[in-house]
Structure formats: structure tokens, C-alpha cells
């Protein structure tokens, strides 16, 4: 049995992820509803969720991984040394591309199904990886729960779009 380490919670990470998957999609949809008075629907909210949780979150993560691979290596994966940096940068390129597709899908609705599928699958696989590994810190537990939540909500969106 793995115990949770005494590693302090990364407040910046928790706040930014919480803003991107909880606060901003709800706030943006609420503002849209206030101005357009359209019927409340999961589909209306889901476009904002896809934009923020997949688009902005993955784009920002990718930029961070490309520009500062040490953070991902040391804080997320607990790796020592710099030999993992080229691989983390490539992960960053992938996250940038996936994030940009989700942002574009906000403006090109036909892309939403593809974005929900690919980014949802990414979050689902990442969540399973966290689950199998057994989180060693509060930060990893937070990543586990939020990855699986985003996966579930994007899976619902994908099913609705098919």
C-alpha cells in the first residue's frame, strides 16, 4: 500500500485546473445565457467545457512542458536528471496541438466531436495511469480525480454529438 507523501499541495496547479474545469466553463455559459436567453442545455455548456478543460488547459500545459520541462519531470513524475526533457517537450507539443484543436472547435462546431474524442481519450488514459500507479501525493490525487472527471464529461459530450 502506497501512502500519500508529505509533499505540499501545489496551490497554483489546483487553482488553475479548478478555474479551467469548473469556474470558467460555468461562468462563461452563465454569461452567454444572460445575453442570449437560450434554453439551458448540456450541449451549450459542453462547448465551453471543451474550450477551457481541453483547449486552454492542454495548451497551457503544453507551453509549460515545452518551456520548462523540469517542472513536469520533477514535480509531476518525480524524475531526477535532465534525460527526460526531450520526451517531455514532445509531450508538450502534443498537448499544444490537442489544445489548439479544442480551441478551434469552439469556432468550428463540426470539430467538437473529434476534439471531445481525442482529448477525452487522453484524459481517460492519463487518469487510468494515475489510478494504476496509485497517487503518491495530494497533487497526484487531484490530477487523478480531475482527469477522470474531464474524461467522463467529454465522453458524455462525445456520445451526445454522435
N, C-alpha and C. Protein backbone atom coordinates (compact mmCIF):
# COMPACT_ATOMS: atom_id res chain seq x y z
N UNK A 1 0.84 -1.18 0.00
CA UNK A 1 0.00 0.00 0.00
C UNK A 1 0.88 1.24 0.00
N UNK A 2 0.58 2.17 -0.91
CA UNK A 2 1.34 3.41 -1.01
C UNK A 2 0.69 4.46 -0.13
N UNK A 3 1.52 5.17 0.61
CA UNK A 3 0.99 6.24 1.44
C UNK A 3 1.18 7.56 0.73
N UNK A 4 0.34 8.51 1.06
CA UNK A 4 0.44 9.84 0.47
C UNK A 4 1.63 10.55 1.11
N UNK A 5 2.49 11.11 0.27
CA UNK A 5 3.68 11.80 0.78
C UNK A 5 3.29 13.11 1.45
N UNK A 6 4.25 13.70 2.12
CA UNK A 6 4.04 14.98 2.78
C UNK A 6 4.28 16.15 1.84
N UNK A 7 4.37 15.87 0.56
CA UNK A 7 4.58 16.92 -0.43
C UNK A 7 3.45 17.95 -0.33
N UNK A 8 3.79 19.23 -0.24
CA UNK A 8 2.74 20.25 -0.11
C UNK A 8 1.90 20.34 -1.38
N UNK A 9 0.67 20.75 -1.19
CA UNK A 9 -0.22 20.91 -2.33
C UNK A 9 0.28 22.08 -3.18
N UNK A 10 0.28 21.87 -4.48
CA UNK A 10 0.70 22.92 -5.41
C UNK A 10 -0.52 23.80 -5.67
N UNK A 11 -0.62 24.90 -4.93
CA UNK A 11 -1.80 25.76 -4.99
C UNK A 11 -2.03 26.34 -6.38
N UNK A 12 -0.95 26.72 -7.06
CA UNK A 12 -1.10 27.28 -8.41
C UNK A 12 -1.74 26.26 -9.34
N UNK A 13 -1.29 25.01 -9.26
CA UNK A 13 -1.83 23.94 -10.10
C UNK A 13 -3.31 23.70 -9.77
N UNK A 14 -3.63 23.57 -8.50
CA UNK A 14 -5.01 23.29 -8.10
C UNK A 14 -5.94 24.45 -8.49
N UNK A 15 -5.50 25.67 -8.27
CA UNK A 15 -6.34 26.83 -8.62
C UNK A 15 -6.53 26.92 -10.13
N UNK A 16 -5.44 26.77 -10.90
CA UNK A 16 -5.57 26.91 -12.35
C UNK A 16 -6.44 25.80 -12.95
N UNK A 17 -6.25 24.57 -12.49
CA UNK A 17 -7.08 23.46 -13.01
C UNK A 17 -8.54 23.66 -12.59
N UNK A 18 -8.76 24.07 -11.36
CA UNK A 18 -10.14 24.31 -10.88
C UNK A 18 -10.82 25.42 -11.69
N UNK A 19 -10.09 26.48 -11.98
CA UNK A 19 -10.65 27.54 -12.81
C UNK A 19 -11.01 27.02 -14.20
N UNK A 20 -10.10 26.23 -14.79
CA UNK A 20 -10.30 25.77 -16.16
C UNK A 20 -11.37 24.69 -16.30
N UNK A 21 -11.59 23.88 -15.28
CA UNK A 21 -12.59 22.82 -15.47
C UNK A 21 -13.90 23.07 -14.73
N UNK A 22 -13.90 23.96 -13.75
CA UNK A 22 -15.13 24.23 -13.00
C UNK A 22 -15.63 25.65 -13.23
N UNK A 23 -14.85 26.62 -12.83
CA UNK A 23 -15.31 28.00 -12.75
C UNK A 23 -15.55 28.64 -14.12
N UNK A 24 -14.54 28.64 -14.98
CA UNK A 24 -14.67 29.35 -16.26
C UNK A 24 -15.74 28.78 -17.19
N UNK A 25 -15.87 27.44 -17.31
CA UNK A 25 -16.97 26.96 -18.17
C UNK A 25 -18.35 27.36 -17.65
N UNK A 26 -18.55 27.28 -16.35
CA UNK A 26 -19.85 27.64 -15.77
C UNK A 26 -20.09 29.14 -15.90
N UNK A 27 -19.08 29.93 -15.59
CA UNK A 27 -19.20 31.39 -15.68
C UNK A 27 -19.46 31.83 -17.11
N UNK A 28 -18.71 31.29 -18.06
CA UNK A 28 -18.88 31.66 -19.47
C UNK A 28 -20.26 31.27 -19.99
N UNK A 29 -20.70 30.08 -19.63
CA UNK A 29 -22.03 29.66 -20.06
C UNK A 29 -23.10 30.53 -19.42
N UNK A 30 -22.92 30.88 -18.17
CA UNK A 30 -23.87 31.77 -17.50
C UNK A 30 -23.96 33.13 -18.16
N UNK A 31 -22.82 33.68 -18.54
CA UNK A 31 -22.80 34.98 -19.23
C UNK A 31 -23.49 34.85 -20.59
N UNK A 32 -23.18 33.77 -21.30
CA UNK A 32 -23.83 33.54 -22.59
C UNK A 32 -25.35 33.44 -22.43
N UNK A 33 -25.78 32.71 -21.41
CA UNK A 33 -27.23 32.57 -21.15
C UNK A 33 -27.86 33.93 -20.83
N UNK A 34 -27.17 34.74 -20.08
CA UNK A 34 -27.71 36.05 -19.70
C UNK A 34 -27.93 36.94 -20.92
N UNK A 35 -27.07 36.82 -21.91
CA UNK A 35 -27.18 37.68 -23.09
C UNK A 35 -28.07 37.10 -24.19
N UNK A 36 -28.09 35.78 -24.33
CA UNK A 36 -28.81 35.16 -25.45
C UNK A 36 -30.13 34.50 -25.05
N UNK A 37 -30.35 34.26 -23.79
CA UNK A 37 -31.60 33.68 -23.28
C UNK A 37 -32.00 32.41 -24.03
N UNK A 38 -31.02 31.55 -24.33
CA UNK A 38 -31.31 30.29 -24.99
C UNK A 38 -31.67 29.26 -23.92
N UNK A 39 -32.37 28.19 -24.29
CA UNK A 39 -32.69 27.16 -23.30
C UNK A 39 -31.41 26.56 -22.71
N UNK A 40 -31.44 26.29 -21.43
CA UNK A 40 -30.30 25.70 -20.76
C UNK A 40 -30.14 24.26 -21.26
N UNK A 41 -28.90 23.91 -21.65
CA UNK A 41 -28.66 22.57 -22.17
C UNK A 41 -27.23 22.13 -21.86
N UNK A 42 -27.05 20.82 -21.81
CA UNK A 42 -25.71 20.28 -21.60
C UNK A 42 -24.83 20.65 -22.79
N UNK A 43 -25.37 20.60 -23.99
CA UNK A 43 -24.60 20.90 -25.19
C UNK A 43 -24.08 22.33 -25.17
N UNK A 44 -24.91 23.27 -24.72
CA UNK A 44 -24.48 24.66 -24.63
C UNK A 44 -23.33 24.84 -23.66
N UNK A 45 -23.42 24.17 -22.51
CA UNK A 45 -22.35 24.25 -21.52
C UNK A 45 -21.12 23.48 -21.98
N UNK A 46 -21.32 22.36 -22.67
CA UNK A 46 -20.22 21.47 -23.06
C UNK A 46 -19.23 22.14 -24.00
N UNK A 47 -19.70 23.06 -24.86
CA UNK A 47 -18.75 23.73 -25.75
C UNK A 47 -17.77 24.57 -24.95
N UNK A 48 -18.26 25.18 -23.88
CA UNK A 48 -17.38 25.96 -23.00
C UNK A 48 -16.45 25.04 -22.23
N UNK A 49 -16.96 23.91 -21.79
CA UNK A 49 -16.13 22.95 -21.07
C UNK A 49 -15.01 22.44 -21.97
N UNK A 50 -15.32 22.09 -23.20
CA UNK A 50 -14.32 21.63 -24.15
C UNK A 50 -13.28 22.72 -24.39
N UNK A 51 -13.74 23.94 -24.55
CA UNK A 51 -12.84 25.08 -24.79
C UNK A 51 -11.84 25.25 -23.65
N UNK A 52 -12.34 25.26 -22.41
CA UNK A 52 -11.46 25.50 -21.27
C UNK A 52 -10.72 24.25 -20.79
N UNK A 53 -11.45 23.17 -20.54
CA UNK A 53 -10.84 21.97 -19.94
C UNK A 53 -9.89 21.27 -20.90
N UNK A 54 -10.21 21.26 -22.17
CA UNK A 54 -9.31 20.64 -23.15
C UNK A 54 -8.46 21.68 -23.85
N UNK A 55 -9.10 22.69 -24.38
CA UNK A 55 -8.36 23.69 -25.15
C UNK A 55 -7.35 24.46 -24.33
N UNK A 56 -7.84 25.25 -23.42
CA UNK A 56 -6.93 26.11 -22.64
C UNK A 56 -6.02 25.31 -21.72
N UNK A 57 -6.58 24.30 -21.05
CA UNK A 57 -5.76 23.53 -20.10
C UNK A 57 -4.63 22.81 -20.80
N UNK A 58 -4.92 22.12 -21.91
CA UNK A 58 -3.86 21.39 -22.60
C UNK A 58 -2.89 22.33 -23.30
N UNK A 59 -3.38 23.44 -23.83
CA UNK A 59 -2.48 24.42 -24.45
C UNK A 59 -1.50 24.98 -23.41
N UNK A 60 -2.02 25.38 -22.26
CA UNK A 60 -1.16 25.92 -21.21
C UNK A 60 -0.18 24.87 -20.68
N UNK A 61 -0.68 23.64 -20.48
CA UNK A 61 0.21 22.56 -20.02
C UNK A 61 1.31 22.31 -21.05
N UNK A 62 0.95 22.31 -22.31
CA UNK A 62 1.93 22.08 -23.37
C UNK A 62 2.98 23.16 -23.42
N UNK A 63 2.55 24.40 -23.30
CA UNK A 63 3.51 25.50 -23.29
C UNK A 63 4.47 25.36 -22.11
N UNK A 64 3.93 24.99 -20.97
CA UNK A 64 4.77 24.80 -19.77
C UNK A 64 5.75 23.64 -19.97
N UNK A 65 5.28 22.55 -20.57
CA UNK A 65 6.14 21.39 -20.79
C UNK A 65 7.26 21.69 -21.79
N UNK A 66 6.95 22.49 -22.80
CA UNK A 66 7.97 22.84 -23.79
C UNK A 66 8.98 23.83 -23.21
N UNK A 67 8.48 24.82 -22.48
CA UNK A 67 9.36 25.87 -21.97
C UNK A 67 10.06 25.50 -20.66
N UNK A 68 9.42 24.68 -19.82
CA UNK A 68 10.00 24.29 -18.53
C UNK A 68 9.77 22.81 -18.26
N UNK A 69 10.46 21.95 -18.99
CA UNK A 69 10.25 20.50 -18.80
C UNK A 69 10.62 20.02 -17.40
N UNK A 70 11.46 20.76 -16.71
CA UNK A 70 11.87 20.35 -15.36
C UNK A 70 10.69 20.25 -14.41
N UNK A 71 9.71 21.14 -14.55
CA UNK A 71 8.53 21.09 -13.67
C UNK A 71 7.82 19.75 -13.82
N UNK A 72 7.52 19.36 -15.05
CA UNK A 72 6.83 18.09 -15.28
C UNK A 72 7.69 16.92 -14.81
N UNK A 73 8.98 16.96 -15.12
CA UNK A 73 9.86 15.86 -14.75
C UNK A 73 9.95 15.71 -13.23
N UNK A 74 10.19 16.79 -12.55
CA UNK A 74 10.45 16.71 -11.11
C UNK A 74 9.19 16.70 -10.26
N UNK A 75 8.26 17.62 -10.55
CA UNK A 75 7.09 17.77 -9.69
C UNK A 75 6.02 16.72 -9.99
N UNK A 76 5.77 16.47 -11.27
CA UNK A 76 4.70 15.54 -11.63
C UNK A 76 5.19 14.08 -11.59
N UNK A 77 6.33 13.82 -12.24
CA UNK A 77 6.78 12.44 -12.37
C UNK A 77 7.91 12.06 -11.40
N UNK A 78 8.38 12.99 -10.59
CA UNK A 78 9.42 12.74 -9.59
C UNK A 78 10.68 12.14 -10.20
N UNK A 79 11.08 12.67 -11.38
CA UNK A 79 12.29 12.20 -12.06
C UNK A 79 13.45 13.13 -11.71
N UNK A 80 14.61 12.52 -11.59
CA UNK A 80 15.81 13.30 -11.36
C UNK A 80 16.62 13.32 -12.65
N UNK A 81 17.40 14.34 -12.86
CA UNK A 81 18.20 14.43 -14.07
C UNK A 81 17.43 15.10 -15.20
N UNK A 82 18.13 15.29 -16.31
CA UNK A 82 17.54 16.02 -17.44
C UNK A 82 17.29 15.15 -18.66
N UNK A 83 17.59 13.85 -18.58
CA UNK A 83 17.45 13.00 -19.76
C UNK A 83 16.01 12.87 -20.25
N UNK A 84 15.02 13.15 -19.41
CA UNK A 84 13.62 13.05 -19.82
C UNK A 84 13.12 14.32 -20.52
N UNK A 85 13.87 15.40 -20.49
CA UNK A 85 13.39 16.68 -21.02
C UNK A 85 12.97 16.64 -22.49
N UNK A 86 13.73 15.99 -23.39
CA UNK A 86 13.27 15.94 -24.79
C UNK A 86 11.90 15.24 -24.94
N UNK A 87 11.67 14.18 -24.17
CA UNK A 87 10.40 13.47 -24.25
C UNK A 87 9.27 14.34 -23.69
N UNK A 88 9.54 15.04 -22.61
CA UNK A 88 8.53 15.93 -22.01
C UNK A 88 8.21 17.08 -22.97
N UNK A 89 9.22 17.59 -23.66
CA UNK A 89 8.96 18.64 -24.67
C UNK A 89 8.06 18.11 -25.78
N UNK A 90 8.29 16.87 -26.21
CA UNK A 90 7.43 16.29 -27.25
C UNK A 90 6.01 16.09 -26.73
N UNK A 91 5.86 15.68 -25.48
CA UNK A 91 4.53 15.63 -24.87
C UNK A 91 3.90 17.02 -24.91
N UNK A 92 4.69 18.02 -24.64
CA UNK A 92 4.20 19.40 -24.69
C UNK A 92 3.71 19.79 -26.08
N UNK A 93 4.44 19.39 -27.12
CA UNK A 93 3.99 19.68 -28.49
C UNK A 93 2.63 19.03 -28.76
N UNK A 94 2.48 17.79 -28.30
CA UNK A 94 1.21 17.08 -28.48
C UNK A 94 0.09 17.80 -27.73
N UNK A 95 0.36 18.22 -26.50
CA UNK A 95 -0.66 18.94 -25.73
C UNK A 95 -1.02 20.27 -26.38
N UNK A 96 -0.03 20.97 -26.92
CA UNK A 96 -0.31 22.23 -27.62
C UNK A 96 -1.23 21.97 -28.80
N UNK A 97 -0.92 20.96 -29.60
CA UNK A 97 -1.73 20.65 -30.78
C UNK A 97 -3.16 20.24 -30.39
N UNK A 98 -3.29 19.38 -29.39
CA UNK A 98 -4.61 18.93 -28.95
C UNK A 98 -5.40 20.10 -28.37
N UNK A 99 -4.73 20.95 -27.61
CA UNK A 99 -5.39 22.13 -27.06
C UNK A 99 -5.86 23.09 -28.14
N UNK A 100 -5.04 23.29 -29.15
CA UNK A 100 -5.43 24.19 -30.25
C UNK A 100 -6.62 23.65 -31.04
N UNK A 101 -6.69 22.32 -31.21
CA UNK A 101 -7.85 21.73 -31.88
C UNK A 101 -9.12 22.01 -31.07
N UNK A 102 -9.04 21.86 -29.75
CA UNK A 102 -10.22 22.12 -28.90
C UNK A 102 -10.61 23.59 -28.94
N UNK A 103 -9.64 24.48 -28.99
CA UNK A 103 -9.95 25.91 -29.10
C UNK A 103 -10.60 26.21 -30.45
N UNK A 104 -10.05 25.63 -31.51
CA UNK A 104 -10.64 25.81 -32.84
C UNK A 104 -12.05 25.25 -32.90
N UNK A 105 -12.29 24.14 -32.18
CA UNK A 105 -13.62 23.51 -32.18
C UNK A 105 -14.68 24.43 -31.58
N UNK A 106 -14.28 25.36 -30.76
CA UNK A 106 -15.24 26.33 -30.24
C UNK A 106 -15.84 27.14 -31.39
N UNK A 107 -15.01 27.45 -32.38
CA UNK A 107 -15.43 28.26 -33.53
C UNK A 107 -15.87 27.43 -34.72
N UNK A 108 -15.49 26.16 -34.75
CA UNK A 108 -15.86 25.23 -35.83
C UNK A 108 -16.59 24.05 -35.19
N UNK A 109 -17.90 24.16 -34.99
CA UNK A 109 -18.64 23.14 -34.24
C UNK A 109 -18.47 21.70 -34.76
N UNK A 110 -18.24 21.53 -36.04
CA UNK A 110 -18.06 20.18 -36.59
C UNK A 110 -16.82 19.49 -36.00
N UNK A 111 -15.88 20.25 -35.47
CA UNK A 111 -14.68 19.67 -34.90
C UNK A 111 -14.88 19.20 -33.46
N UNK A 112 -15.97 19.56 -32.84
CA UNK A 112 -16.17 19.25 -31.42
C UNK A 112 -16.17 17.75 -31.15
N UNK A 113 -16.77 16.97 -32.03
CA UNK A 113 -16.82 15.52 -31.81
C UNK A 113 -15.41 14.93 -31.82
N UNK A 114 -14.58 15.39 -32.75
CA UNK A 114 -13.21 14.90 -32.85
C UNK A 114 -12.40 15.34 -31.63
N UNK A 115 -12.57 16.58 -31.24
CA UNK A 115 -11.84 17.10 -30.08
C UNK A 115 -12.27 16.41 -28.80
N UNK A 116 -13.58 16.23 -28.62
CA UNK A 116 -14.07 15.54 -27.42
C UNK A 116 -13.55 14.12 -27.37
N UNK A 117 -13.48 13.46 -28.53
CA UNK A 117 -12.98 12.09 -28.57
C UNK A 117 -11.49 12.03 -28.22
N UNK A 118 -10.68 12.82 -28.93
CA UNK A 118 -9.22 12.70 -28.73
C UNK A 118 -8.79 13.22 -27.36
N UNK A 119 -9.28 14.38 -26.95
CA UNK A 119 -8.85 14.88 -25.64
C UNK A 119 -9.51 14.09 -24.51
N UNK A 120 -10.72 13.61 -24.72
CA UNK A 120 -11.36 12.77 -23.72
C UNK A 120 -10.60 11.47 -23.52
N UNK A 121 -10.17 10.87 -24.62
CA UNK A 121 -9.38 9.65 -24.55
C UNK A 121 -8.05 9.91 -23.83
N UNK A 122 -7.43 11.03 -24.13
CA UNK A 122 -6.18 11.41 -23.46
C UNK A 122 -6.39 11.50 -21.94
N UNK A 123 -7.42 12.23 -21.53
CA UNK A 123 -7.68 12.37 -20.09
C UNK A 123 -8.03 11.03 -19.45
N UNK A 124 -8.78 10.20 -20.16
CA UNK A 124 -9.14 8.89 -19.62
C UNK A 124 -7.91 8.01 -19.41
N UNK A 125 -7.05 7.97 -20.40
CA UNK A 125 -5.83 7.16 -20.28
C UNK A 125 -4.90 7.72 -19.20
N UNK A 126 -4.78 9.04 -19.13
CA UNK A 126 -3.95 9.66 -18.08
C UNK A 126 -4.53 9.34 -16.70
N UNK A 127 -5.85 9.40 -16.58
CA UNK A 127 -6.50 9.08 -15.30
C UNK A 127 -6.27 7.64 -14.90
N UNK A 128 -6.38 6.72 -15.85
CA UNK A 128 -6.13 5.31 -15.56
C UNK A 128 -4.68 5.11 -15.14
N UNK A 129 -3.76 5.81 -15.81
CA UNK A 129 -2.36 5.70 -15.43
C UNK A 129 -2.15 6.16 -13.99
N UNK A 130 -2.77 7.27 -13.61
CA UNK A 130 -2.67 7.75 -12.23
C UNK A 130 -3.27 6.71 -11.27
N UNK A 131 -4.37 6.12 -11.66
CA UNK A 131 -5.05 5.15 -10.80
C UNK A 131 -4.20 3.89 -10.60
N UNK A 132 -3.64 3.37 -11.68
CA UNK A 132 -2.82 2.16 -11.62
C UNK A 132 -1.56 2.42 -10.80
N UNK A 133 -0.97 3.59 -10.97
CA UNK A 133 0.27 3.93 -10.28
C UNK A 133 0.04 4.14 -8.79
N UNK A 134 -1.14 4.47 -8.38
CA UNK A 134 -1.51 4.84 -7.02
C UNK A 134 -0.82 6.15 -6.65
N UNK A 135 -1.60 7.22 -6.59
CA UNK A 135 -1.04 8.55 -6.34
C UNK A 135 -0.22 8.59 -5.05
N UNK A 136 0.97 9.21 -5.15
CA UNK A 136 1.87 9.31 -4.01
C UNK A 136 1.79 10.67 -3.32
N UNK A 137 1.00 11.59 -3.86
CA UNK A 137 0.89 12.91 -3.24
C UNK A 137 -0.53 13.44 -3.45
N UNK A 138 -0.84 14.48 -2.72
CA UNK A 138 -2.14 15.14 -2.88
C UNK A 138 -2.28 15.69 -4.29
N UNK A 139 -1.19 16.21 -4.84
CA UNK A 139 -1.23 16.76 -6.20
C UNK A 139 -1.56 15.67 -7.22
N UNK A 140 -0.98 14.50 -7.05
CA UNK A 140 -1.27 13.39 -7.96
C UNK A 140 -2.71 12.90 -7.80
N UNK A 141 -3.21 12.90 -6.57
CA UNK A 141 -4.61 12.52 -6.34
C UNK A 141 -5.55 13.51 -7.03
N UNK A 142 -5.24 14.78 -6.93
CA UNK A 142 -6.04 15.81 -7.58
C UNK A 142 -6.03 15.60 -9.10
N UNK A 143 -4.85 15.30 -9.65
CA UNK A 143 -4.75 15.03 -11.08
C UNK A 143 -5.59 13.81 -11.46
N UNK A 144 -5.54 12.77 -10.65
CA UNK A 144 -6.33 11.56 -10.90
C UNK A 144 -7.81 11.90 -10.98
N UNK A 145 -8.33 12.56 -9.97
CA UNK A 145 -9.77 12.86 -9.92
C UNK A 145 -10.20 13.81 -11.03
N UNK A 146 -9.41 14.83 -11.28
CA UNK A 146 -9.81 15.79 -12.32
C UNK A 146 -9.68 15.17 -13.71
N UNK A 147 -8.66 14.37 -13.96
CA UNK A 147 -8.53 13.71 -15.26
C UNK A 147 -9.72 12.79 -15.53
N UNK A 148 -10.12 12.02 -14.53
CA UNK A 148 -11.26 11.10 -14.72
C UNK A 148 -12.58 11.87 -14.87
N UNK A 149 -12.72 12.97 -14.15
CA UNK A 149 -13.92 13.80 -14.29
C UNK A 149 -14.01 14.40 -15.69
N UNK A 150 -12.90 14.96 -16.17
CA UNK A 150 -12.88 15.54 -17.52
C UNK A 150 -13.17 14.45 -18.55
N UNK A 151 -12.57 13.28 -18.38
CA UNK A 151 -12.85 12.16 -19.28
C UNK A 151 -14.34 11.85 -19.32
N UNK A 152 -14.97 11.73 -18.16
CA UNK A 152 -16.39 11.37 -18.10
C UNK A 152 -17.25 12.43 -18.79
N UNK A 153 -16.97 13.70 -18.53
CA UNK A 153 -17.78 14.77 -19.14
C UNK A 153 -17.55 14.86 -20.64
N UNK A 154 -16.33 14.63 -21.10
CA UNK A 154 -16.07 14.63 -22.54
C UNK A 154 -16.66 13.39 -23.21
N UNK A 155 -16.70 12.27 -22.51
CA UNK A 155 -17.34 11.07 -23.05
C UNK A 155 -18.83 11.31 -23.25
N UNK A 156 -19.47 11.98 -22.29
CA UNK A 156 -20.89 12.34 -22.44
C UNK A 156 -21.07 13.25 -23.63
N UNK A 157 -20.19 14.24 -23.77
CA UNK A 157 -20.28 15.15 -24.91
C UNK A 157 -20.11 14.40 -26.22
N UNK A 158 -19.14 13.51 -26.27
CA UNK A 158 -18.92 12.73 -27.50
C UNK A 158 -20.15 11.93 -27.87
N UNK A 159 -20.75 11.25 -26.89
CA UNK A 159 -21.95 10.45 -27.14
C UNK A 159 -23.08 11.33 -27.63
N UNK A 160 -23.25 12.49 -27.04
CA UNK A 160 -24.31 13.40 -27.47
C UNK A 160 -24.09 13.91 -28.89
N UNK A 161 -22.84 14.04 -29.29
CA UNK A 161 -22.54 14.57 -30.62
C UNK A 161 -22.62 13.51 -31.71
N UNK A 162 -22.64 12.22 -31.33
CA UNK A 162 -22.70 11.16 -32.34
C UNK A 162 -24.12 10.90 -32.77
